[in-house]
Protein backbone atom coordinates (compact mmCIF):
# COMPACT_ATOMS: atom_id res chain seq x y z
CA MET A 1 93.20 80.47 98.31
CA LYS A 2 90.40 82.80 99.21
CA ILE A 3 89.86 86.28 97.79
CA VAL A 4 87.43 89.11 98.33
CA ILE A 5 86.98 91.24 95.22
CA GLN A 6 85.55 94.73 95.57
CA ARG A 7 84.67 96.88 92.57
CA VAL A 8 85.90 100.35 93.47
CA SER A 9 85.70 103.90 92.19
CA LYS A 10 88.91 104.49 94.13
CA ALA A 11 91.04 102.70 96.71
CA SER A 12 94.29 103.21 98.57
CA VAL A 13 96.62 101.58 101.08
CA THR A 14 98.52 103.53 103.73
CA ILE A 15 101.32 102.20 105.94
CA ASN A 16 102.78 104.37 108.72
CA ASP A 17 101.08 107.51 107.32
CA LEU A 18 102.62 106.86 103.87
CA LYS A 19 100.26 106.10 100.98
CA VAL A 20 101.85 103.11 99.24
CA ALA A 21 99.11 102.35 96.70
CA ALA A 22 96.23 104.25 95.11
CA ILE A 23 93.94 103.53 92.16
CA LYS A 24 90.85 104.92 90.52
CA GLU A 25 88.34 102.59 88.80
CA GLY A 26 89.14 98.92 89.22
CA LEU A 27 89.36 96.19 91.83
CA LEU A 28 90.61 95.95 95.38
CA ILE A 29 91.47 92.30 96.00
CA LEU A 30 92.04 90.92 99.49
CA ILE A 31 93.83 87.55 99.40
CA GLY A 32 94.21 84.84 102.03
CA ILE A 33 96.50 81.87 101.43
CA VAL A 34 96.52 78.40 103.02
CA GLU A 35 99.27 75.76 103.10
CA GLU A 36 97.59 73.67 100.38
CA ASP A 37 97.54 76.47 97.79
CA THR A 38 99.50 76.07 94.55
CA GLN A 39 100.06 77.76 91.20
CA GLU A 40 96.92 75.98 90.01
CA ASP A 41 94.86 77.96 92.54
CA ILE A 42 96.48 81.19 91.35
CA ASN A 43 95.81 80.39 87.68
CA TRP A 44 92.13 79.63 88.32
CA LEU A 45 91.54 82.77 90.40
CA VAL A 46 93.41 85.11 88.05
CA ARG A 47 91.46 83.84 85.04
CA LYS A 48 88.15 84.27 86.90
CA VAL A 49 88.98 87.72 88.31
CA LEU A 50 90.13 89.22 85.02
CA ASN A 51 87.09 87.97 83.13
CA LEU A 52 84.35 88.63 85.71
CA ARG A 53 81.79 90.84 84.00
CA ILE A 54 81.11 93.17 86.93
CA PHE A 55 81.67 96.58 85.35
CA ASN A 56 78.83 98.52 83.75
CA ASP A 57 78.46 98.85 80.00
CA GLU A 58 76.96 101.89 78.27
CA GLN A 59 73.45 100.77 79.31
CA GLY A 60 74.43 100.44 82.98
CA ILE A 61 74.42 96.63 82.89
CA MET A 62 77.28 94.69 84.47
CA ASN A 63 78.62 93.35 81.20
CA LYS A 64 82.30 94.36 81.11
CA SER A 65 85.37 92.80 82.68
CA LEU A 66 88.46 94.40 84.16
CA LEU A 67 90.19 93.67 80.86
CA ASN A 68 87.43 95.46 78.90
CA ILE A 69 87.67 98.66 80.95
CA ASP A 70 91.48 98.66 81.31
CA GLY A 71 90.91 98.87 85.07
CA ASN A 72 93.45 99.01 87.86
CA VAL A 73 94.10 96.62 90.74
CA ILE A 74 95.34 96.74 94.31
CA VAL A 75 96.10 93.39 95.96
CA VAL A 76 96.32 93.23 99.76
CA SER A 77 97.32 90.14 101.74
CA GLN A 78 94.85 89.31 104.49
CA PHE A 79 95.41 86.14 106.51
CA THR A 80 92.23 86.85 108.50
CA LEU A 81 90.17 85.63 105.52
CA HIS A 82 90.91 82.14 106.83
CA ALA A 83 89.72 82.83 110.37
CA SER A 84 87.91 80.03 112.12
CA THR A 85 85.23 81.20 114.53
CA LYS A 86 83.91 77.74 115.38
CA LYS A 87 85.03 77.75 119.02
CA GLY A 88 84.95 80.60 121.51
CA SER A 89 85.15 84.33 120.78
CA ARG A 90 88.73 84.64 119.56
CA PRO A 91 89.20 83.68 115.90
CA SER A 92 91.83 81.09 115.09
CA TYR A 93 94.12 81.72 112.13
CA MET A 94 95.72 78.26 112.09
CA LYS A 95 94.54 77.62 108.50
CA ALA A 96 96.47 80.61 107.13
CA ALA A 97 99.79 79.75 105.50
CA LYS A 98 103.01 80.82 107.19
CA PRO A 99 104.93 83.67 105.52
CA ASP A 100 107.61 81.41 103.98
CA LEU A 101 104.91 79.81 101.81
CA ALA A 102 102.38 82.64 101.63
CA ILE A 103 104.72 85.41 100.44
CA PRO A 104 105.90 83.63 97.26
CA LEU A 105 102.32 82.65 96.39
CA TYR A 106 101.13 86.22 97.03
CA GLN A 107 103.89 87.53 94.76
CA GLN A 108 103.02 84.96 92.07
CA PHE A 109 99.35 86.00 92.23
CA VAL A 110 100.31 89.67 91.74
CA ALA A 111 102.76 88.82 88.92
CA SER A 112 100.13 86.72 87.13
CA ILE A 113 97.61 89.56 87.17
CA GLU A 114 100.31 92.00 85.97
CA LYS A 115 101.20 89.70 83.09
CA GLU A 116 97.58 89.32 81.96
CA LEU A 117 96.72 93.02 82.39
CA ASN A 118 100.06 94.12 80.94
CA LYS A 119 100.33 96.79 83.62
CA LYS A 120 101.60 97.27 87.16
CA VAL A 121 99.42 95.98 89.98
CA GLN A 122 99.67 97.96 93.18
CA THR A 123 99.95 96.21 96.52
CA GLY A 124 100.03 96.63 100.22
CA GLU A 125 102.95 95.19 102.17
CA PHE A 126 102.76 91.59 103.31
CA GLY A 127 102.45 91.43 107.11
CA ALA A 128 102.28 95.21 107.60
CA ASP A 129 99.66 97.08 109.61
CA MET A 130 97.81 98.68 106.70
CA LYS A 131 95.00 101.18 106.47
CA VAL A 132 92.88 100.34 103.45
CA GLU A 133 90.43 102.90 102.11
CA LEU A 134 87.96 102.26 99.34
CA LEU A 135 84.86 103.60 97.72
CA ASN A 136 83.01 100.41 96.85
CA ASP A 137 81.17 101.00 93.58
CA GLY A 138 77.72 99.44 93.53
CA PRO A 139 78.44 98.04 96.05
CA VAL A 140 79.90 95.02 94.30
CA THR A 141 81.73 92.55 96.54
CA ILE A 142 82.43 88.96 95.50
CA ILE A 143 84.08 86.19 97.54
CA MET A 144 85.89 83.40 95.72
CA ASP A 145 87.60 80.30 97.08
CA SER A 146 89.81 78.25 94.76
CA LYS A 147 89.03 75.10 96.75
CA ILE A 148 85.26 75.47 96.32
CA LYS A 149 85.17 76.96 92.77
CA GLU A 150 81.61 78.28 92.91
């Protein structure tokens, strides 16, 4: 499971000219799922995401977590995170999990964050053509892969 975390001042997701998600301060998380992913991958990523100290404290130092600031989250599925560009000019997405496996894991990831935050997590729509807008704060962008755990 691979995620891109972006600290945002605001973010939104629009599908067919309808805004389906919008937050102020918090995280926009893009998530890509592969066939080998399990609940263990979800548990590791959720624990790391919620406790990452990437929000500024009163002195302007990144010393607070999403939990500390009571921040908001939007999670957007993005199979292109697993693109392979090794051969040719057209990326291959063969590593990305098929929807029958990816959708339940995506839903479990969202539910796990909701449980830990004790609040609703907003989402895009799996497989939809989405327009994602964000104001990256910092900018702070972090890439995490549950298989590499760096």
